[in-house]
Amino acid sequence: MKTRLPFRRVLLCLLYGLLLSLAIIYGHQLETLNHLDLSDEKSVLLCLLLTGLFFPCSLLLMRFLDFVAERAALSPAPKSTLPAIAAPKNLSSVGAQTTSPSFKPSDRIPLSSGVLSFLCLFLSHFTVLLGVYPGFFVYDTSEMLQQVITRSFRDHHPLIHTLLMGGTIKAVEKLSGSWNTGIFVYTFLQMIVIDLIFTEILLWLKKCGVKRCFRLFSLLYLSLFPPVVMFVLCASKDGLFNAFFLLFLTQIADFLFFPSSFCRKKKPLLFVGTATLFLLYRKNALYAYLLFVLICLVLLFRNRRFLNTCKAPAPSVLALLLCLPLLLCSGTNRLLFKALHARGGEHQEVLSVPIMQLTRVYQASPSHFSPEEKKILYRYLPEENLKQYTPRLSDRVKLGFQNAVYDKDRASFLHLWLHTLRKYPLTCLNALLLTSYGNWYPFAVNNVYKGNTPFTLT
């Protein structure tokens, strides 16, 4: 085992310790004070102390992982067990391939192995579904169903989900005469799809050689943990999106462990299919995926020599696989948009950050805006919506955004936002962080809907 870690990895451990400390200190400030307090000297001192704690801990973790990888590389790997990855020296690997002759990435677990897991998931979720009949039909689902009933579609929500969910419910209602029966049938079908995906993930864990006790814990977690069950039985887009995204992550892990397996036909199809589906089910997933693609493209072309040694597809082929979901998602959305004669022109989701920043500055003091600037602001955001500002939830403000005015004159809004951003940078930074700190503060209490009543039809 190496006695010293390379300087780059030590630097990464230090950076990790510093960023984690900053996230804890300033995330706590945002949650308790609703703003950053950069003048607090105690916070700076505490940040340094936490960095001094997390830095050696991350070093120890890095050394432990190296030790486990070296031990696994020296010991023979049993069949159907994924050995730890040890990258070649002087190469920053995109992935690594086992040299063990007893294991092949094409090895399949028999389908019968997943029957018990599926039955456990199905019985657990179906029991809850009967208890909450016809299912959790809340938040935006009633609005999406109304679009199908009136045949007046908008692209505010994913069109594919609106069409599949609303079409299923409407078709069953025509046959049974009951909306609740339609909701139940759709929720039941969605539950089947998600349970099949969960089963596939559990089989993948088995193929990777994950210990039985951990797989059993994963099965119980997916079957019984209340938030998971709620998402499985909720007709909103989040349940299917999360399931498709989780399946996509297993495809990424397969590529990291076995790059050469992507030479086969099934792997690329599954990778592209899962990526396209999770992009179709959530619009803002596009931004995360674009960043992911950019990072992957850089790593692919930096490590093309290493990929050749692993007998992986050429970097250009892998780059095409990464970009293909973007083309398929864009093409599918355009096709649905034209086929359904959907109405577009809703910009408030894309402009969520500028809207919240302008509203926070206004909420701090309307006098921050000149009379002329107020006139411009009121054109896009009515005063009654500006007064409904809450730091962590943008829905109340965004509902009043005047899309028609923005379509006619985008320059005035963007100019007002940039001018405000330059004039009150800290206030705008607070507005941005307060709507995002739940993603990076480990101890965040993500309860932005506290005090609000969810929209429900049942």
Foldseek 3Di string as FASTA:
>chain_A
DDPDDDPVVLVVLLVVQLQLLVLALQLVCCQPVVAGDPPDPVSVVSSVVSSVVSSVVVVVVVVVLVVQLVVQLPDADAELAATHDDDDPPADDLAGERPHPRYDLVDADDPVVLPVLLVLQLVLLVVVCVVVALFAAWFCNVVLLVCVVVLAAAPPFQLVLSCVLNVQLVVVCVVVVDSRVSLNVSLSVLLSVLSVLLSVVLRLCSSNVPDPVVSVVSSCCCRPVVVNSNLSRYSALVNVLVSLVVSLVSLSVSCRHQQAVVVDDPSLVSNLVSLLVNCSRDVVVVVVLVVVLVVVLVSLVSRQVVCVVSNHDGSVVVSCSSCVSVVVNVVVRVVSCVVSVYDYQQCCVVCVLLQLLVLLVCVVPVVVDDPVLVVLVCVFWPPVQSVVDDLADRVSRSVRGDSVVCVVPVPSSVVSSVVSCVVCVSSSVSSVCNNPSVPSNPPDDPDVCVPHDIGGDD
